[in-house]
Amino acid sequence: MEEQVDISQAEWEIMRIIWTLGPTRTNTLVKILKDKMKWKDSTTKTLLARLTKKEFLTPTKEGREFCYASNITEDEAIDKAAKNLFSNICAMKVGSSLNRLIKNTPLSKSDISSLEQLLENKYQTAPETISCNCVPLEYQMDCCAVVKDESHEL
């Protein structure tokens, strides 16, 4: 399977159901997605075929239908998708992007406590500044020299 998770928004819907329910029969997926997304049977089956071709799902014949199991855990897919997203952002902007993400995402008190502990530990070995990774050093301008204190805006 690829290092990147190349899954469309529609394919994520299917994967989320399979991660939640475990291996799932075609008819169950069709019914859930018809109720949840108003998809036609053919839409679900086409997306299942794409996910199988991309090796994210493995179909197993059970009687007259297939049962689909995930070849990647939800955490693995999320980690790869996040890594891919952040690889497209200037290293100097990652902190402020994470701040905006946290600000705009509902989190439980437990999640916040875990984040606080993680950040406290990360702080111990964090560099003072992060360098721009958009262009080679010899092409960088003054604007790339120092991270503005955007990462603390909440």
N, C-alpha and C. Protein backbone atom coordinates (compact mmCIF):
# COMPACT_ATOMS: atom_id res chain seq x y z
N MET A 1 0.84 -1.17 0.00
CA MET A 1 0.00 0.00 0.00
C MET A 1 0.89 1.24 0.00
N GLU A 2 0.43 2.30 -0.63
CA GLU A 2 1.19 3.54 -0.73
C GLU A 2 1.43 4.15 0.64
N GLU A 3 2.50 4.98 0.71
CA GLU A 3 2.77 5.71 1.95
C GLU A 3 1.71 6.79 2.16
N GLN A 4 1.27 7.42 1.06
CA GLN A 4 0.23 8.42 1.16
C GLN A 4 -1.13 7.75 1.19
N VAL A 5 -2.09 8.41 1.79
CA VAL A 5 -3.45 7.91 1.81
C VAL A 5 -4.23 8.74 0.80
N ASP A 6 -4.38 8.20 -0.40
CA ASP A 6 -5.08 8.89 -1.48
C ASP A 6 -6.53 8.43 -1.49
N ILE A 7 -7.31 8.99 -0.58
CA ILE A 7 -8.72 8.60 -0.43
C ILE A 7 -9.57 9.85 -0.59
N SER A 8 -10.58 9.76 -1.46
CA SER A 8 -11.50 10.88 -1.65
C SER A 8 -12.41 11.02 -0.42
N GLN A 9 -13.09 12.15 -0.35
CA GLN A 9 -14.02 12.38 0.76
C GLN A 9 -15.08 11.28 0.81
N ALA A 10 -15.59 10.89 -0.34
CA ALA A 10 -16.61 9.83 -0.40
C ALA A 10 -16.03 8.50 0.08
N GLU A 11 -14.79 8.21 -0.30
CA GLU A 11 -14.16 6.96 0.13
C GLU A 11 -13.92 6.96 1.64
N TRP A 12 -13.61 8.13 2.21
CA TRP A 12 -13.46 8.22 3.67
C TRP A 12 -14.76 7.80 4.35
N GLU A 13 -15.91 8.16 3.78
CA GLU A 13 -17.20 7.78 4.38
C GLU A 13 -17.31 6.27 4.51
N ILE A 14 -16.93 5.56 3.46
CA ILE A 14 -16.99 4.10 3.49
C ILE A 14 -16.00 3.55 4.52
N MET A 15 -14.78 4.07 4.49
CA MET A 15 -13.76 3.58 5.42
C MET A 15 -14.19 3.80 6.87
N ARG A 16 -14.77 4.95 7.16
CA ARG A 16 -15.21 5.23 8.54
C ARG A 16 -16.24 4.21 9.02
N ILE A 17 -17.13 3.82 8.13
CA ILE A 17 -18.14 2.81 8.49
C ILE A 17 -17.47 1.47 8.77
N ILE A 18 -16.55 1.07 7.90
CA ILE A 18 -15.88 -0.22 8.08
C ILE A 18 -14.99 -0.20 9.32
N TRP A 19 -14.33 0.92 9.60
CA TRP A 19 -13.53 1.01 10.84
C TRP A 19 -14.42 0.92 12.07
N THR A 20 -15.62 1.46 11.97
CA THR A 20 -16.55 1.43 13.11
C THR A 20 -17.16 0.05 13.30
N LEU A 21 -17.61 -0.56 12.22
CA LEU A 21 -18.33 -1.84 12.31
C LEU A 21 -17.44 -3.07 12.17
N GLY A 22 -16.24 -2.90 11.65
CA GLY A 22 -15.41 -4.05 11.31
C GLY A 22 -15.81 -4.54 9.93
N PRO A 23 -15.36 -5.74 9.54
CA PRO A 23 -15.71 -6.25 8.22
C PRO A 23 -17.23 -6.16 7.99
N THR A 24 -17.61 -5.60 6.84
CA THR A 24 -19.01 -5.26 6.60
C THR A 24 -19.45 -5.75 5.22
N ARG A 25 -20.65 -6.33 5.18
CA ARG A 25 -21.21 -6.84 3.93
C ARG A 25 -21.66 -5.69 3.03
N THR A 26 -21.63 -5.97 1.74
CA THR A 26 -22.02 -4.98 0.73
C THR A 26 -23.40 -4.41 1.02
N ASN A 27 -24.39 -5.27 1.27
CA ASN A 27 -25.76 -4.80 1.49
C ASN A 27 -25.87 -3.87 2.70
N THR A 28 -25.10 -4.13 3.73
CA THR A 28 -25.11 -3.26 4.91
C THR A 28 -24.53 -1.89 4.55
N LEU A 29 -23.43 -1.89 3.82
CA LEU A 29 -22.81 -0.62 3.40
C LEU A 29 -23.76 0.17 2.50
N VAL A 30 -24.40 -0.52 1.56
CA VAL A 30 -25.34 0.14 0.66
C VAL A 30 -26.47 0.78 1.45
N LYS A 31 -27.03 0.05 2.40
CA LYS A 31 -28.15 0.58 3.21
C LYS A 31 -27.72 1.78 4.04
N ILE A 32 -26.60 1.66 4.74
CA ILE A 32 -26.13 2.77 5.58
C ILE A 32 -25.87 4.01 4.74
N LEU A 33 -25.19 3.84 3.61
CA LEU A 33 -24.83 5.00 2.79
C LEU A 33 -26.02 5.58 2.04
N LYS A 34 -27.02 4.75 1.78
CA LYS A 34 -28.26 5.27 1.20
C LYS A 34 -28.96 6.16 2.23
N ASP A 35 -29.00 5.72 3.49
CA ASP A 35 -29.63 6.50 4.56
C ASP A 35 -28.81 7.75 4.91
N LYS A 36 -27.52 7.57 5.07
CA LYS A 36 -26.65 8.66 5.53
C LYS A 36 -26.34 9.69 4.44
N MET A 37 -26.02 9.21 3.23
CA MET A 37 -25.52 10.09 2.18
C MET A 37 -26.48 10.22 0.99
N LYS A 38 -27.56 9.44 1.01
CA LYS A 38 -28.51 9.42 -0.11
C LYS A 38 -27.87 8.91 -1.40
N TRP A 39 -26.90 7.99 -1.25
CA TRP A 39 -26.21 7.44 -2.41
C TRP A 39 -27.03 6.31 -3.02
N LYS A 40 -26.88 6.14 -4.33
CA LYS A 40 -27.46 4.99 -5.03
C LYS A 40 -26.56 3.78 -4.77
N ASP A 41 -27.13 2.60 -4.94
CA ASP A 41 -26.36 1.36 -4.74
C ASP A 41 -25.08 1.37 -5.59
N SER A 42 -25.22 1.81 -6.84
CA SER A 42 -24.08 1.79 -7.77
C SER A 42 -22.94 2.70 -7.30
N THR A 43 -23.26 3.80 -6.64
CA THR A 43 -22.23 4.70 -6.13
C THR A 43 -21.39 3.99 -5.08
N THR A 44 -22.07 3.35 -4.13
CA THR A 44 -21.37 2.62 -3.08
C THR A 44 -20.51 1.50 -3.67
N LYS A 45 -21.07 0.75 -4.59
CA LYS A 45 -20.33 -0.37 -5.20
C LYS A 45 -19.12 0.12 -6.00
N THR A 46 -19.27 1.24 -6.69
CA THR A 46 -18.14 1.82 -7.43
C THR A 46 -17.03 2.23 -6.48
N LEU A 47 -17.40 2.88 -5.38
CA LEU A 47 -16.40 3.31 -4.40
C LEU A 47 -15.73 2.12 -3.72
N LEU A 48 -16.50 1.06 -3.46
CA LEU A 48 -15.91 -0.16 -2.90
C LEU A 48 -14.88 -0.76 -3.86
N ALA A 49 -15.21 -0.74 -5.15
CA ALA A 49 -14.27 -1.26 -6.16
C ALA A 49 -13.00 -0.41 -6.19
N ARG A 50 -13.14 0.91 -6.10
CA ARG A 50 -11.97 1.79 -6.09
C ARG A 50 -11.09 1.54 -4.87
N LEU A 51 -11.72 1.43 -3.71
CA LEU A 51 -10.96 1.19 -2.47
C LEU A 51 -10.27 -0.18 -2.51
N THR A 52 -10.90 -1.15 -3.15
CA THR A 52 -10.29 -2.47 -3.31
C THR A 52 -9.09 -2.37 -4.25
N LYS A 53 -9.26 -1.65 -5.36
CA LYS A 53 -8.16 -1.47 -6.32
C LYS A 53 -6.98 -0.75 -5.68
N LYS A 54 -7.27 0.22 -4.81
CA LYS A 54 -6.21 0.97 -4.11
C LYS A 54 -5.62 0.16 -2.95
N GLU A 55 -6.17 -1.02 -2.71
CA GLU A 55 -5.73 -1.95 -1.66
C GLU A 55 -6.00 -1.45 -0.24
N PHE A 56 -7.03 -0.61 -0.09
CA PHE A 56 -7.45 -0.20 1.24
C PHE A 56 -8.45 -1.20 1.82
N LEU A 57 -9.14 -1.93 0.93
CA LEU A 57 -10.12 -2.93 1.36
C LEU A 57 -9.81 -4.27 0.71
N THR A 58 -10.18 -5.33 1.43
CA THR A 58 -10.12 -6.68 0.87
C THR A 58 -11.52 -7.27 0.93
N PRO A 59 -12.06 -7.64 -0.25
CA PRO A 59 -13.38 -8.27 -0.25
C PRO A 59 -13.25 -9.78 -0.08
N THR A 60 -14.17 -10.35 0.67
CA THR A 60 -14.24 -11.80 0.84
C THR A 60 -15.65 -12.22 0.47
N LYS A 61 -15.76 -13.21 -0.39
CA LYS A 61 -17.08 -13.68 -0.82
C LYS A 61 -17.74 -14.44 0.32
N GLU A 62 -18.94 -14.01 0.69
CA GLU A 62 -19.73 -14.67 1.73
C GLU A 62 -21.11 -14.93 1.15
N GLY A 63 -21.33 -16.14 0.73
CA GLY A 63 -22.61 -16.46 0.10
C GLY A 63 -22.72 -15.74 -1.23
N ARG A 64 -23.77 -14.93 -1.36
CA ARG A 64 -24.02 -14.23 -2.63
C ARG A 64 -23.48 -12.81 -2.64
N GLU A 65 -22.84 -12.40 -1.56
CA GLU A 65 -22.31 -11.03 -1.53
C GLU A 65 -20.90 -11.01 -0.97
N PHE A 66 -20.31 -9.83 -0.99
CA PHE A 66 -18.96 -9.66 -0.46
C PHE A 66 -19.00 -9.00 0.91
N CYS A 67 -17.99 -9.32 1.68
CA CYS A 67 -17.77 -8.67 2.98
C CYS A 67 -16.43 -7.95 2.84
N TYR A 68 -16.41 -6.68 3.18
CA TYR A 68 -15.21 -5.85 3.01
C TYR A 68 -14.53 -5.60 4.34
N ALA A 69 -13.22 -5.84 4.37
CA ALA A 69 -12.40 -5.59 5.56
C ALA A 69 -11.32 -4.58 5.19
N SER A 70 -10.97 -3.75 6.15
CA SER A 70 -9.95 -2.73 5.92
C SER A 70 -8.55 -3.33 6.02
N ASN A 71 -7.66 -2.87 5.15
CA ASN A 71 -6.26 -3.28 5.19
C ASN A 71 -5.39 -2.27 5.93
N ILE A 72 -6.00 -1.21 6.42
CA ILE A 72 -5.28 -0.16 7.13
C ILE A 72 -6.13 0.27 8.32
N THR A 73 -5.50 0.51 9.45
CA THR A 73 -6.28 0.95 10.61
C THR A 73 -6.66 2.42 10.43
N GLU A 74 -7.67 2.82 11.16
CA GLU A 74 -8.10 4.22 11.11
C GLU A 74 -6.97 5.15 11.54
N ASP A 75 -6.27 4.78 12.61
CA ASP A 75 -5.16 5.62 13.08
C ASP A 75 -4.05 5.74 12.04
N GLU A 76 -3.74 4.63 11.36
CA GLU A 76 -2.72 4.68 10.30
C GLU A 76 -3.14 5.62 9.18
N ALA A 77 -4.39 5.53 8.77
CA ALA A 77 -4.90 6.38 7.69
C ALA A 77 -4.89 7.85 8.09
N ILE A 78 -5.32 8.13 9.31
CA ILE A 78 -5.33 9.51 9.80
C ILE A 78 -3.91 10.05 9.89
N ASP A 79 -2.99 9.26 10.43
CA ASP A 79 -1.60 9.70 10.55
C ASP A 79 -0.99 10.00 9.19
N LYS A 80 -1.23 9.12 8.22
CA LYS A 80 -0.67 9.32 6.88
C LYS A 80 -1.31 10.54 6.20
N ALA A 81 -2.62 10.72 6.37
CA ALA A 81 -3.29 11.87 5.77
C ALA A 81 -2.79 13.18 6.39
N ALA A 82 -2.60 13.18 7.71
CA ALA A 82 -2.09 14.38 8.39
C ALA A 82 -0.65 14.67 7.96
N LYS A 83 0.16 13.62 7.88
CA LYS A 83 1.55 13.79 7.44
C LYS A 83 1.59 14.36 6.03
N ASN A 84 0.73 13.85 5.17
CA ASN A 84 0.65 14.35 3.80
C ASN A 84 0.22 15.82 3.78
N LEU A 85 -0.79 16.16 4.57
CA LEU A 85 -1.25 17.55 4.63
C LEU A 85 -0.13 18.47 5.08
N PHE A 86 0.53 18.12 6.18
CA PHE A 86 1.56 18.99 6.72
C PHE A 86 2.83 19.02 5.87
N SER A 87 3.02 18.03 5.01
CA SER A 87 4.16 18.08 4.10
C SER A 87 3.96 19.14 3.02
N ASN A 88 2.73 19.61 2.85
CA ASN A 88 2.42 20.64 1.86
C ASN A 88 2.41 22.04 2.46
N ILE A 89 2.74 22.17 3.73
CA ILE A 89 2.73 23.46 4.42
C ILE A 89 4.16 23.83 4.77
N CYS A 90 4.49 25.11 4.64
CA CYS A 90 5.81 25.60 5.07
C CYS A 90 6.03 25.18 6.52
N ALA A 91 7.21 24.66 6.82
CA ALA A 91 7.52 24.21 8.18
C ALA A 91 7.31 25.33 9.20
N MET A 92 7.51 26.57 8.76
CA MET A 92 7.33 27.72 9.66
C MET A 92 5.86 27.96 10.00
N LYS A 93 4.95 27.43 9.22
CA LYS A 93 3.51 27.66 9.41
C LYS A 93 2.79 26.50 10.10
N VAL A 94 3.50 25.41 10.34
CA VAL A 94 2.86 24.24 10.94
C VAL A 94 2.30 24.56 12.33
N GLY A 95 3.06 25.25 13.16
CA GLY A 95 2.59 25.58 14.51
C GLY A 95 1.31 26.40 14.49
N SER A 96 1.28 27.45 13.67
CA SER A 96 0.07 28.28 13.61
C SER A 96 -1.10 27.51 13.00
N SER A 97 -0.80 26.62 12.06
CA SER A 97 -1.86 25.78 11.48
C SER A 97 -2.45 24.85 12.53
N LEU A 98 -1.58 24.25 13.35
CA LEU A 98 -2.06 23.38 14.43
C LEU A 98 -2.89 24.17 15.44
N ASN A 99 -2.45 25.39 15.75
CA ASN A 99 -3.22 26.24 16.67
C ASN A 99 -4.62 26.49 16.15
N ARG A 100 -4.73 26.85 14.86
CA ARG A 100 -6.06 27.09 14.28
C ARG A 100 -6.90 25.82 14.28
N LEU A 101 -6.26 24.71 13.97
CA LEU A 101 -6.96 23.43 13.96
C LEU A 101 -7.51 23.10 15.36
N ILE A 102 -6.69 23.26 16.37
CA ILE A 102 -7.12 22.99 17.74
C ILE A 102 -8.22 23.96 18.16
N LYS A 103 -8.05 25.23 17.81
CA LYS A 103 -9.04 26.25 18.17
C LYS A 103 -10.41 25.93 17.60
N ASN A 104 -10.43 25.39 16.39
CA ASN A 104 -11.69 25.17 15.68
C ASN A 104 -12.22 23.74 15.75
N THR A 105 -11.61 22.90 16.60
CA THR A 105 -12.01 21.50 16.71
C THR A 105 -12.54 21.21 18.11
N PRO A 106 -13.73 20.62 18.22
CA PRO A 106 -14.22 20.24 19.55
C PRO A 106 -13.30 19.18 20.17
N LEU A 107 -12.90 19.40 21.41
CA LEU A 107 -12.03 18.47 22.13
C LEU A 107 -12.58 18.21 23.52
N SER A 108 -12.44 16.97 23.98
CA SER A 108 -12.85 16.64 25.35
C SER A 108 -11.78 17.13 26.32
N LYS A 109 -12.13 17.18 27.58
CA LYS A 109 -11.14 17.56 28.61
C LYS A 109 -9.99 16.56 28.62
N SER A 110 -10.29 15.30 28.39
CA SER A 110 -9.26 14.27 28.33
C SER A 110 -8.31 14.52 27.16
N ASP A 111 -8.86 14.88 26.00
CA ASP A 111 -8.03 15.21 24.84
C ASP A 111 -7.11 16.39 25.16
N ILE A 112 -7.67 17.40 25.79
CA ILE A 112 -6.89 18.60 26.13
C ILE A 112 -5.78 18.27 27.11
N SER A 113 -6.08 17.45 28.11
CA SER A 113 -5.04 17.03 29.07
C SER A 113 -3.92 16.28 28.36
N SER A 114 -4.28 15.39 27.45
CA SER A 114 -3.26 14.64 26.69
C SER A 114 -2.40 15.58 25.85
N LEU A 115 -3.05 16.55 25.21
CA LEU A 115 -2.31 17.53 24.41
C LEU A 115 -1.37 18.36 25.28
N GLU A 116 -1.86 18.78 26.44
CA GLU A 116 -1.01 19.57 27.34
C GLU A 116 0.23 18.78 27.74
N GLN A 117 0.06 17.51 28.08
CA GLN A 117 1.19 16.67 28.47
C GLN A 117 2.15 16.47 27.31
N LEU A 118 1.60 16.20 26.15
CA LEU A 118 2.42 16.01 24.95
C LEU A 118 3.23 17.27 24.64
N LEU A 119 2.58 18.42 24.69
CA LEU A 119 3.27 19.68 24.39
C LEU A 119 4.32 20.01 25.45
N GLU A 120 4.02 19.71 26.69
CA GLU A 120 5.00 19.93 27.76
C GLU A 120 6.26 19.10 27.51
N ASN A 121 6.09 17.85 27.14
CA ASN A 121 7.23 16.97 26.84
C ASN A 121 7.96 17.44 25.58
N LYS A 122 7.21 17.82 24.56
CA LYS A 122 7.80 18.27 23.29
C LYS A 122 8.60 19.56 23.49
N TYR A 123 8.13 20.41 24.38
CA TYR A 123 8.78 21.70 24.66
C TYR A 123 10.22 21.51 25.12
N GLN A 124 10.48 20.43 25.84
CA GLN A 124 11.81 20.18 26.40
C GLN A 124 12.89 20.06 25.32
N THR A 125 12.54 19.57 24.16
CA THR A 125 13.53 19.36 23.10
C THR A 125 13.26 20.20 21.85
N ALA A 126 12.32 21.11 21.93
CA ALA A 126 11.95 21.93 20.76
C ALA A 126 13.03 22.96 20.44
N PRO A 127 13.28 23.20 19.16
CA PRO A 127 14.23 24.25 18.79
C PRO A 127 13.62 25.63 19.05
N GLU A 128 14.46 26.64 19.10
CA GLU A 128 13.97 28.01 19.30
C GLU A 128 13.18 28.49 18.08
N THR A 129 13.65 28.14 16.88
CA THR A 129 12.97 28.55 15.65
C THR A 129 12.90 27.36 14.70
N ILE A 130 12.01 27.49 13.74
CA ILE A 130 11.86 26.49 12.69
C ILE A 130 12.21 27.17 11.37
N SER A 131 13.01 26.50 10.55
CA SER A 131 13.42 27.07 9.26
C SER A 131 12.40 26.78 8.18
N CYS A 132 12.33 27.70 7.22
CA CYS A 132 11.49 27.51 6.04
C CYS A 132 12.02 26.33 5.24
N ASN A 133 11.12 25.51 4.74
CA ASN A 133 11.52 24.38 3.90
C ASN A 133 10.92 24.47 2.50
N CYS A 134 10.46 25.67 2.13
CA CYS A 134 9.79 25.86 0.84
C CYS A 134 10.77 25.93 -0.32
N VAL A 135 11.90 26.58 -0.09
CA VAL A 135 12.91 26.74 -1.13
C VAL A 135 14.28 26.47 -0.51
N PRO A 136 15.27 26.12 -1.34
CA PRO A 136 16.61 25.92 -0.79
C PRO A 136 17.11 27.18 -0.08
N LEU A 137 17.97 27.00 0.89
CA LEU A 137 18.47 28.08 1.74
C LEU A 137 18.99 29.28 0.95
N GLU A 138 19.69 29.03 -0.14
CA GLU A 138 20.28 30.15 -0.90
C GLU A 138 19.23 31.04 -1.56
N TYR A 139 17.98 30.58 -1.66
CA TYR A 139 16.92 31.38 -2.26
C TYR A 139 16.00 32.03 -1.23
N GLN A 140 16.21 31.75 0.03
CA GLN A 140 15.30 32.26 1.05
C GLN A 140 15.49 33.76 1.24
N MET A 141 14.40 34.42 1.55
CA MET A 141 14.38 35.87 1.76
C MET A 141 14.36 36.14 3.27
N ASP A 142 14.40 37.40 3.62
CA ASP A 142 14.34 37.78 5.04
C ASP A 142 13.07 37.28 5.71
N CYS A 143 11.98 37.20 4.95
CA CYS A 143 10.70 36.76 5.54
C CYS A 143 10.77 35.31 6.02
N CYS A 144 11.73 34.56 5.53
CA CYS A 144 11.86 33.16 5.91
C CYS A 144 12.77 32.97 7.13
N ALA A 145 13.42 34.03 7.56
CA ALA A 145 14.46 33.90 8.58
C ALA A 145 13.92 33.56 9.96
N VAL A 146 12.79 34.13 10.34
CA VAL A 146 12.29 33.95 11.70
C VAL A 146 10.80 33.67 11.66
N VAL A 147 10.37 32.78 12.49
CA VAL A 147 8.94 32.50 12.61
C VAL A 147 8.31 33.64 13.39
N LYS A 148 7.27 34.23 12.82
CA LYS A 148 6.53 35.24 13.57
C LYS A 148 5.80 34.52 14.69
N ASP A 149 5.49 35.21 15.73
CA ASP A 149 4.89 34.59 16.90
C ASP A 149 3.41 34.32 16.67
N GLU A 150 3.08 33.68 15.51
CA GLU A 150 1.70 33.34 15.18
C GLU A 150 1.23 32.10 15.93
N SER A 151 2.18 31.26 16.34
CA SER A 151 1.82 29.97 16.92
C SER A 151 1.13 30.09 18.27
N HIS A 152 1.17 31.28 18.86
CA HIS A 152 0.54 31.44 20.18
C HIS A 152 -0.82 32.12 20.11
N GLU A 153 -1.27 32.43 18.88
CA GLU A 153 -2.57 33.06 18.73
C GLU A 153 -3.67 32.02 18.88
N LEU A 154 -4.48 32.15 19.85
CA LEU A 154 -5.63 31.26 20.03
C LEU A 154 -6.84 32.14 20.13
